[in-house]
Amino acid sequence: MRKNIKYIFSIIFALSVLVIPPIYAEGITEPAIKNRQEDTFKDLSPNHWAYNAITSAVQKGYFKGYEDGTFKPSAPVSREEFAVLLSRVSINPAASVATVFPDITGRWGEQGIVNAVNKGFINQSTYLLGFKPTQLITRIEMVRWIASGLGVTNPDYAQAVKDMAETVLPIQEYYKGTVKKSDYGAIGLMMGTGIMNGYDTGIFGGSNTTSRAEVAAILLHMEEVQTKSPEDFPNLIQMRELGTTGTNVEAMGFSYTKSLYSDAIPTFKDIIWNKPFSLGNNAGTMTVHHMIVIDSKDPTSIYYPLFFSKGSNLDSATPDPFTYLVMSMVTIKSNRDEFTESTLFTSRIADELSSFSFKAGDGKKYGYPYREYNAFYDQRFIIKKGEQRTLYTYGQVKPAKSDILTRIVFRTNPQVWIE
């Protein structure tokens, strides 16, 4: 009898070891334990915006759920967690370089962090005072890490980042000057490939943290991008051209041609970009900081939301499928007592730069400089003599595929013709 009781207790003890989860010291083991159903979580509805992304990321082994059967889609992600996730998704070979952050020793994510460093995502010199693994990662940190790692995956991505050092970012922080220029290229890579985008409010939110649901979507985008090249992304092509030439005209299907007066073919970069030139009739000077051509019928274009938002009247400037909008940010310095829109038009520098009053509608959220159109405004006074103002001007152009070919002509010396 005693032997039977002893045997029964032995079985009970063995079963208890199997079903009772172990208790770990904080930070020693991975906090997210894969649950039995693997991709079904009691806090994740099929109606959740990231349901498919989360399910896919879990099935691929990138993410794990918690042992209580939840995924916690709204929970923020730490540096440690994101480093581990990147190391799982990346196809980069892990370099054999030894790397040590003293404050990650013995942690559950130690090897994942080491792998993320050796795969080129994390620059060890950035964290000389410690990695601080439990600190919540910001969106701008994520941008820098991903851009760095993709540059290792494909050197062409590293070149794309360099090309966008002077690009135009369709986010509020760009126009307000609150984003570091050193981050232009990395943010441009994220937005141009669709890995990360700005919020509906117009901001990018670099200092914001990111939820597990958002990270699941980001990882799946990165997974796809790492197997492609920069040439596969039309928006990235536009942003690179803007960063290297000041305009996206060639990305939009236009080309430079010789004028009637010369066999030379000068470009926007050569003659116009950030180079002050005199306006006709001694009206003043103008500097064009960038010129963006937008297909009004392509809402997927990276610059479309800036100008074709709810409440904007710029669609009236593009009345047919073959008319493209031309938006140019310029600085005008007046040599007239009253520099008006009519003054700009009669200066005849370029028809595509001759209008600057429009309704931005929801585009106001981006904070770009422009003059709001209002039929009741006094249209005479704009800029006083000796003063200058930076704002967007607009015009239109038809590409060669239209029945009526129009050109962008800058009446500079030499002239720049684009068609």
Protein backbone atom coordinates (compact mmCIF):
# COMPACT_ATOMS: atom_id res chain seq x y z
CA MET A 1 0.00 0.00 0.00
CA ARG A 2 2.77 2.43 0.94
CA LYS A 3 4.56 1.60 -2.30
CA ASN A 4 1.37 2.44 -4.27
CA ILE A 5 0.92 5.77 -2.45
CA LYS A 6 4.55 6.61 -3.08
CA TYR A 7 4.10 5.78 -6.75
CA ILE A 8 0.97 7.97 -7.05
CA PHE A 9 2.76 10.96 -5.46
CA SER A 10 5.63 10.49 -7.89
CA ILE A 11 3.23 10.70 -10.83
CA ILE A 12 1.51 13.81 -9.41
CA PHE A 13 4.86 15.52 -8.92
CA ALA A 14 5.96 14.70 -12.45
CA LEU A 15 2.73 16.10 -13.90
CA SER A 16 3.04 19.28 -11.84
CA VAL A 17 6.44 19.93 -13.37
CA LEU A 18 4.91 19.67 -16.81
CA VAL A 19 1.93 22.00 -16.34
CA ILE A 20 3.16 24.68 -13.95
CA PRO A 21 5.08 27.39 -15.87
CA PRO A 22 8.50 28.25 -14.50
CA ILE A 23 9.07 31.51 -12.65
CA TYR A 24 12.02 33.60 -13.88
CA ALA A 25 13.79 36.64 -12.57
CA GLU A 26 12.67 39.78 -14.42
CA GLY A 27 14.46 40.29 -17.70
CA ILE A 28 16.16 36.90 -17.77
CA THR A 29 13.75 35.15 -20.12
CA GLU A 30 11.67 36.31 -23.05
CA PRO A 31 8.49 37.97 -21.72
CA ALA A 32 6.35 36.80 -24.66
CA ILE A 33 5.78 33.03 -24.55
CA LYS A 34 4.21 31.41 -27.59
CA ASN A 35 0.78 30.10 -26.70
CA ARG A 36 -0.67 26.79 -27.82
CA GLN A 37 -2.90 28.18 -30.54
CA GLU A 38 0.07 30.04 -32.01
CA ASP A 39 -1.84 32.66 -34.03
CA THR A 40 -5.14 33.02 -32.14
CA PHE A 41 -5.28 35.46 -29.26
CA LYS A 42 -8.18 36.34 -27.01
CA ASP A 43 -7.41 40.07 -27.20
CA LEU A 44 -7.09 40.17 -31.00
CA SER A 45 -10.28 40.49 -33.02
CA PRO A 46 -10.36 39.66 -36.75
CA ASN A 47 -11.58 43.26 -37.13
CA HIS A 48 -8.36 44.69 -35.70
CA TRP A 49 -6.55 46.79 -38.33
CA ALA A 50 -3.36 44.74 -37.92
CA TYR A 51 -4.98 41.31 -37.55
CA ASN A 52 -3.50 39.89 -40.75
CA ALA A 53 -0.06 41.36 -40.09
CA ILE A 54 0.02 40.04 -36.53
CA THR A 55 -1.21 36.60 -37.55
CA SER A 56 1.37 36.37 -40.32
CA ALA A 57 4.22 37.62 -38.10
CA VAL A 58 3.35 35.03 -35.44
CA GLN A 59 3.06 32.20 -37.96
CA LYS A 60 6.49 33.09 -39.32
CA GLY A 61 8.00 32.96 -35.86
CA TYR A 62 8.86 36.64 -35.63
CA PHE A 63 6.46 37.41 -32.78
CA LYS A 64 5.23 35.31 -29.89
CA GLY A 65 2.13 35.67 -27.77
CA TYR A 66 1.94 35.77 -23.99
CA GLU A 67 1.33 32.67 -21.90
CA ASP A 68 -2.06 34.02 -20.77
CA GLY A 69 -3.33 33.72 -24.37
CA THR A 70 -3.01 37.41 -25.26
CA PHE A 71 -0.93 39.26 -27.82
CA LYS A 72 -1.20 42.75 -26.29
CA PRO A 73 -1.30 44.56 -29.68
CA SER A 74 -1.28 48.02 -28.07
CA ALA A 75 1.70 47.36 -25.81
CA PRO A 76 4.81 49.42 -26.63
CA VAL A 77 8.02 47.74 -27.79
CA SER A 78 11.39 48.03 -26.07
CA ARG A 79 14.82 48.31 -27.67
CA GLU A 80 15.56 44.75 -26.64
CA GLU A 81 12.38 43.39 -28.20
CA PHE A 82 12.86 45.26 -31.47
CA ALA A 83 16.49 44.19 -31.77
CA VAL A 84 15.46 40.55 -31.35
CA LEU A 85 12.65 40.96 -33.89
CA LEU A 86 14.98 42.50 -36.47
CA SER A 87 17.49 39.69 -36.01
CA ARG A 88 14.70 37.18 -36.72
CA VAL A 89 13.42 38.90 -39.86
CA SER A 90 16.71 39.97 -41.43
CA ILE A 91 18.37 37.90 -44.14
CA ASN A 92 21.69 39.61 -43.46
CA PRO A 93 24.58 37.31 -42.59
CA ALA A 94 25.75 37.82 -39.01
CA ALA A 95 29.29 39.18 -38.98
CA SER A 96 31.82 37.51 -36.72
CA VAL A 97 32.63 40.76 -34.96
CA ALA A 98 32.39 40.41 -31.19
CA THR A 99 30.12 42.94 -29.59
CA VAL A 100 29.26 43.54 -25.99
CA PHE A 101 26.88 45.89 -24.22
CA PRO A 102 27.59 45.43 -20.52
CA ASP A 103 23.95 45.95 -19.57
CA ILE A 104 22.57 43.09 -21.70
CA THR A 105 24.58 40.26 -20.17
CA GLY A 106 22.31 37.44 -19.04
CA ARG A 107 19.15 38.97 -20.46
CA TRP A 108 16.67 36.94 -22.51
CA GLY A 109 17.41 39.02 -25.62
CA GLU A 110 21.19 39.11 -25.31
CA GLN A 111 21.90 36.94 -28.35
CA GLY A 112 19.24 38.69 -30.45
CA ILE A 113 20.77 42.09 -29.67
CA VAL A 114 24.23 40.78 -30.53
CA ASN A 115 22.86 39.42 -33.82
CA ALA A 116 21.17 42.74 -34.63
CA VAL A 117 24.48 44.53 -34.11
CA ASN A 118 26.41 42.03 -36.20
CA LYS A 119 23.81 42.18 -38.98
CA GLY A 120 24.33 45.92 -39.28
CA PHE A 121 21.18 47.31 -37.68
CA ILE A 122 22.60 48.77 -34.48
CA ASN A 123 25.67 50.98 -34.34
CA GLN A 124 27.40 50.11 -31.09
CA SER A 125 29.03 53.56 -30.87
CA THR A 126 25.55 55.12 -30.56
CA TYR A 127 25.11 53.51 -27.15
CA LEU A 128 28.41 54.17 -25.41
CA LEU A 129 26.60 54.77 -22.10
CA GLY A 130 24.78 51.46 -22.33
CA PHE A 131 22.12 49.89 -24.52
CA LYS A 132 19.35 50.27 -21.91
CA PRO A 133 17.42 47.28 -23.25
CA THR A 134 14.17 47.93 -21.39
CA GLN A 135 13.86 51.49 -22.69
CA LEU A 136 10.98 51.88 -25.13
CA ILE A 137 12.24 52.34 -28.66
CA THR A 138 11.19 55.47 -30.56
CA ARG A 139 10.11 55.58 -34.17
CA ILE A 140 13.21 57.51 -35.22
CA GLU A 141 15.43 54.86 -33.62
CA MET A 142 13.53 52.23 -35.56
CA VAL A 143 14.03 54.23 -38.76
CA ARG A 144 17.78 54.47 -38.20
CA TRP A 145 18.15 50.79 -37.33
CA ILE A 146 16.16 49.53 -40.32
CA ALA A 147 17.87 51.89 -42.78
CA SER A 148 21.27 50.80 -41.50
CA GLY A 149 20.43 47.12 -41.80
CA LEU A 150 18.95 47.46 -45.29
CA GLY A 151 22.13 49.23 -46.35
CA VAL A 152 23.99 46.05 -45.45
CA THR A 153 21.41 43.88 -47.21
CA ASN A 154 21.78 45.88 -50.41
CA PRO A 155 24.37 48.67 -50.81
CA ASP A 156 21.95 50.39 -53.22
CA TYR A 157 19.73 51.14 -50.22
CA ALA A 158 22.68 52.79 -48.49
CA GLN A 159 23.18 54.91 -51.62
CA ALA A 160 19.48 55.78 -51.65
CA VAL A 161 19.80 57.13 -48.11
CA LYS A 162 22.69 59.34 -49.23
CA ASP A 163 20.76 60.52 -52.29
CA MET A 164 17.91 61.78 -50.11
CA ALA A 165 20.01 64.04 -47.89
CA GLU A 166 18.27 67.03 -49.54
CA THR A 167 14.93 65.44 -50.44
CA VAL A 168 11.42 66.64 -49.60
CA LEU A 169 9.71 64.68 -46.84
CA PRO A 170 5.89 64.80 -46.95
CA ILE A 171 5.57 65.27 -43.20
CA GLN A 172 4.89 68.22 -40.94
CA GLU A 173 8.29 68.05 -39.22
CA TYR A 174 10.04 68.68 -42.54
CA TYR A 175 8.23 71.97 -43.12
CA LYS A 176 8.57 73.06 -39.49
CA GLY A 177 12.27 72.23 -39.45
CA THR A 178 11.98 69.92 -36.45
CA VAL A 179 13.46 66.82 -38.09
CA LYS A 180 17.23 66.46 -38.24
CA LYS A 181 18.66 66.74 -41.75
CA SER A 182 20.84 63.76 -40.93
CA ASP A 183 17.61 61.70 -40.72
CA TYR A 184 16.17 62.83 -44.07
CA GLY A 185 17.62 59.89 -45.97
CA ALA A 186 16.60 57.21 -43.48
CA ILE A 187 13.05 58.57 -43.15
CA GLY A 188 12.88 58.89 -46.93
CA LEU A 189 13.85 55.24 -47.29
CA MET A 190 11.09 54.18 -44.90
CA MET A 191 8.43 56.29 -46.62
CA GLY A 192 9.62 55.63 -50.17
CA THR A 193 9.46 51.86 -49.69
CA GLY A 194 6.33 51.91 -47.51
CA ILE A 195 7.99 50.30 -44.50
CA MET A 196 6.87 53.22 -42.32
CA ASN A 197 4.71 56.25 -43.07
CA GLY A 198 3.47 59.35 -41.34
CA TYR A 199 0.26 59.62 -39.35
CA ASP A 200 -3.06 60.93 -40.65
CA THR A 201 -2.37 64.13 -38.71
CA GLY A 202 0.54 64.91 -41.04
CA ILE A 203 3.31 64.20 -38.52
CA PHE A 204 5.88 61.43 -38.63
CA GLY A 205 6.17 61.29 -34.85
CA GLY A 206 9.80 60.34 -34.53
CA SER A 207 9.76 60.64 -30.74
CA ASN A 208 6.69 58.41 -30.41
CA THR A 209 6.88 54.82 -29.26
CA THR A 210 5.43 52.03 -31.38
CA SER A 211 2.94 49.31 -30.49
CA ARG A 212 3.36 45.59 -31.07
CA ALA A 213 0.64 45.76 -33.73
CA GLU A 214 2.46 48.53 -35.61
CA VAL A 215 5.75 46.67 -35.37
CA ALA A 216 4.17 43.52 -36.82
CA ALA A 217 3.14 45.50 -39.89
CA ILE A 218 6.54 47.18 -40.14
CA LEU A 219 8.37 43.85 -39.98
CA LEU A 220 6.34 42.35 -42.81
CA HIS A 221 7.02 45.40 -44.99
CA MET A 222 10.72 45.14 -44.21
CA GLU A 223 10.68 41.43 -44.99
CA GLU A 224 9.47 42.26 -48.50
CA VAL A 225 11.70 45.26 -49.09
CA GLN A 226 14.91 43.41 -48.17
CA THR A 227 14.40 41.07 -51.14
CA LYS A 228 13.90 43.93 -53.62
CA SER A 229 15.97 46.83 -54.95
CA PRO A 230 15.38 50.60 -54.73
CA GLU A 231 14.33 50.65 -58.39
CA ASP A 232 11.26 48.60 -57.49
CA PHE A 233 9.69 51.52 -55.59
CA PRO A 234 8.37 54.44 -57.71
CA ASN A 235 7.98 56.72 -54.69
CA LEU A 236 11.56 56.09 -53.64
CA ILE A 237 12.71 56.94 -57.17
CA GLN A 238 10.88 60.27 -56.93
CA MET A 239 12.37 61.10 -53.54
CA ARG A 240 15.90 60.23 -54.68
CA GLU A 241 15.63 62.45 -57.74
CA LEU A 242 14.32 65.32 -55.63
CA GLY A 243 17.24 64.85 -53.28
CA THR A 244 19.86 64.95 -56.01
CA THR A 245 18.37 67.38 -58.55
CA GLY A 246 15.69 69.40 -56.73
CA THR A 247 12.83 68.00 -58.83
CA ASN A 248 11.15 64.72 -59.76
CA VAL A 249 10.39 65.55 -63.40
CA GLU A 250 12.23 62.58 -64.90
CA ALA A 251 10.70 60.14 -62.44
CA MET A 252 7.32 61.43 -63.60
CA GLY A 253 8.10 60.68 -67.23
CA PHE A 254 9.39 64.04 -68.43
CA SER A 255 12.78 64.75 -69.97
CA TYR A 256 15.07 67.67 -70.64
CA THR A 257 15.37 68.91 -74.20
CA LYS A 258 17.26 71.59 -76.03
CA SER A 259 15.56 74.92 -76.50
CA LEU A 260 14.98 76.78 -79.77
CA TYR A 261 17.96 78.96 -78.98
CA SER A 262 20.69 76.47 -78.10
CA ASP A 263 21.83 72.92 -78.72
CA ALA A 264 22.81 72.60 -75.07
CA ILE A 265 20.48 70.73 -72.70
CA PRO A 266 20.73 72.45 -69.30
CA THR A 267 18.91 70.86 -66.38
CA PHE A 268 16.94 72.11 -63.40
CA LYS A 269 19.85 71.22 -61.14
CA ASP A 270 22.35 73.06 -63.34
CA ILE A 271 20.47 76.34 -63.74
CA ILE A 272 17.54 76.62 -61.33
CA TRP A 273 17.90 74.63 -58.09
CA ASN A 274 18.62 76.97 -55.15
CA LYS A 275 20.19 79.53 -57.50
CA PRO A 276 18.67 83.05 -57.23
CA PHE A 277 17.75 84.59 -60.58
CA SER A 278 16.24 87.92 -61.60
CA LEU A 279 12.57 88.21 -62.41
CA GLY A 280 11.41 90.07 -65.50
CA ASN A 281 10.57 93.77 -65.39
CA ASN A 282 13.03 94.22 -62.51
CA ALA A 283 10.35 92.87 -60.19
CA GLY A 284 12.80 91.19 -57.85
CA THR A 285 14.55 87.84 -57.50
CA MET A 286 13.39 84.27 -57.11
CA THR A 287 15.02 81.14 -55.72
CA VAL A 288 13.38 77.78 -56.44
CA HIS A 289 14.07 75.33 -53.61
CA HIS A 290 12.32 72.39 -55.22
CA MET A 291 9.76 71.60 -57.90
CA ILE A 292 7.40 68.63 -57.54
CA VAL A 293 5.33 67.21 -60.39
CA ILE A 294 2.25 65.27 -59.23
CA ASP A 295 -0.12 63.06 -61.19
CA SER A 296 -3.52 64.16 -59.95
CA LYS A 297 -5.00 60.76 -60.78
CA ASP A 298 -2.51 58.73 -58.74
CA PRO A 299 -3.32 58.87 -55.01
CA THR A 300 -0.54 56.35 -54.29
CA SER A 301 2.10 58.91 -55.25
CA ILE A 302 4.16 59.99 -52.22
CA TYR A 303 3.40 63.71 -52.70
CA TYR A 304 -0.27 63.39 -53.64
CA PRO A 305 -1.65 63.81 -50.07
CA LEU A 306 0.21 67.09 -49.61
CA PHE A 307 -1.84 68.94 -52.20
CA PHE A 308 -4.86 66.81 -53.13
CA SER A 309 -6.51 66.57 -49.74
CA LYS A 310 -10.07 67.23 -48.67
CA GLY A 311 -10.95 70.90 -49.12
CA SER A 312 -8.12 71.66 -51.56
CA ASN A 313 -9.01 73.42 -54.79
CA LEU A 314 -5.89 72.34 -56.66
CA ASP A 315 -7.82 69.64 -58.48
CA SER A 316 -9.26 72.47 -60.57
CA ALA A 317 -5.73 73.07 -61.87
CA THR A 318 -5.69 69.51 -63.24
CA PRO A 319 -9.04 69.15 -65.04
CA ASP A 320 -8.20 66.10 -67.16
CA PRO A 321 -6.19 62.87 -66.82
CA PHE A 322 -3.31 64.28 -68.84
CA THR A 323 -2.69 67.36 -66.73
CA TYR A 324 -0.12 67.14 -63.95
CA LEU A 325 0.19 69.59 -61.09
CA VAL A 326 3.50 71.42 -60.65
CA MET A 327 4.22 72.64 -57.10
CA SER A 328 7.34 74.71 -56.49
CA MET A 329 8.62 76.08 -53.22
CA VAL A 330 10.17 79.45 -53.95
CA THR A 331 11.57 82.44 -52.12
CA ILE A 332 10.64 85.77 -53.69
CA LYS A 333 12.48 88.97 -52.83
CA SER A 334 10.52 92.01 -53.94
CA ASN A 335 11.92 95.00 -55.78
CA ARG A 336 8.47 96.56 -56.05
CA ASP A 337 6.52 98.62 -53.56
CA GLU A 338 3.75 96.06 -53.95
CA PHE A 339 4.68 92.64 -55.30
CA THR A 340 1.42 90.94 -56.28
CA GLU A 341 0.43 87.71 -57.94
CA SER A 342 0.04 89.72 -61.12
CA THR A 343 3.63 90.90 -60.73
CA LEU A 344 4.80 87.30 -60.67
CA PHE A 345 2.70 86.39 -63.67
CA THR A 346 3.94 89.31 -65.80
CA SER A 347 7.58 88.59 -64.91
CA ARG A 348 7.22 85.63 -67.31
CA ILE A 349 9.93 83.60 -65.67
CA ALA A 350 7.91 80.38 -66.05
CA ASP A 351 4.18 79.79 -66.40
CA GLU A 352 4.43 76.90 -63.92
CA LEU A 353 5.55 79.33 -61.18
CA SER A 354 3.03 82.10 -61.76
CA SER A 355 0.23 81.34 -59.27
CA PHE A 356 0.49 81.20 -55.50
CA SER A 357 -2.98 81.57 -54.02
CA PHE A 358 -4.86 78.32 -53.41
CA LYS A 359 -6.92 76.43 -50.85
CA ALA A 360 -4.86 73.79 -49.09
CA GLY A 361 -7.80 72.17 -47.29
CA ASP A 362 -6.59 69.36 -45.03
CA GLY A 363 -3.13 69.94 -46.49
CA LYS A 364 -2.73 72.64 -43.84
CA LYS A 365 -1.82 69.91 -41.37
CA TYR A 366 1.58 69.57 -43.04
CA GLY A 367 2.44 73.16 -42.23
CA TYR A 368 3.92 74.08 -45.59
CA PRO A 369 4.11 77.78 -46.55
CA TYR A 370 1.48 79.04 -48.99
CA ARG A 371 -0.99 81.87 -49.48
CA GLU A 372 -4.58 80.90 -48.74
CA TYR A 373 -6.97 81.85 -51.51
CA ASN A 374 -10.02 83.83 -50.49
CA ALA A 375 -12.20 85.75 -52.91
CA PHE A 376 -12.67 88.50 -50.30
CA TYR A 377 -8.97 89.08 -49.66
CA ASP A 378 -7.27 92.20 -50.98
CA GLN A 379 -5.33 90.63 -53.84
CA ARG A 380 -3.06 93.64 -54.37
CA PHE A 381 -0.65 93.55 -51.45
CA ILE A 382 1.63 90.56 -51.10
CA ILE A 383 5.27 91.47 -50.46
CA LYS A 384 6.78 94.89 -49.68
CA LYS A 385 9.89 96.19 -51.38
CA GLY A 386 13.07 94.71 -49.89
CA GLU A 387 11.16 91.95 -48.09
CA GLN A 388 11.08 88.30 -49.03
CA ARG A 389 8.68 85.45 -48.59
CA THR A 390 8.92 81.69 -49.04
CA LEU A 391 5.82 79.89 -50.28
CA TYR A 392 4.51 77.35 -52.78
CA THR A 393 3.55 78.38 -56.29
CA TYR A 394 1.63 76.14 -58.65
CA GLY A 395 1.10 75.51 -62.33
CA GLN A 396 0.32 72.64 -64.66
CA VAL A 397 1.91 70.64 -67.43
CA LYS A 398 0.84 67.95 -69.87
CA PRO A 399 3.18 65.06 -70.66
CA ALA A 400 4.04 63.87 -74.15
CA LYS A 401 1.38 61.12 -73.99
CA SER A 402 -1.37 63.77 -74.02
CA ASP A 403 -2.91 65.11 -77.20
CA ILE A 404 -1.57 68.60 -76.47
CA LEU A 405 2.08 68.71 -75.43
CA THR A 406 3.03 71.50 -73.06
CA ARG A 407 6.45 72.27 -71.66
CA ILE A 408 7.92 73.62 -68.48
CA VAL A 409 10.05 76.48 -69.71
CA PHE A 410 12.30 78.53 -67.44
CA ARG A 411 13.22 81.74 -69.22
CA THR A 412 16.58 81.92 -67.57
CA ASN A 413 19.90 82.21 -69.34
CA PRO A 414 20.31 79.58 -70.63
CA GLN A 415 16.69 78.47 -70.78
CA VAL A 416 15.62 75.15 -69.27
CA TRP A 417 13.05 73.17 -71.28
CA ILE A 418 11.26 70.15 -69.84
CA GLU A 419 8.69 68.15 -71.81
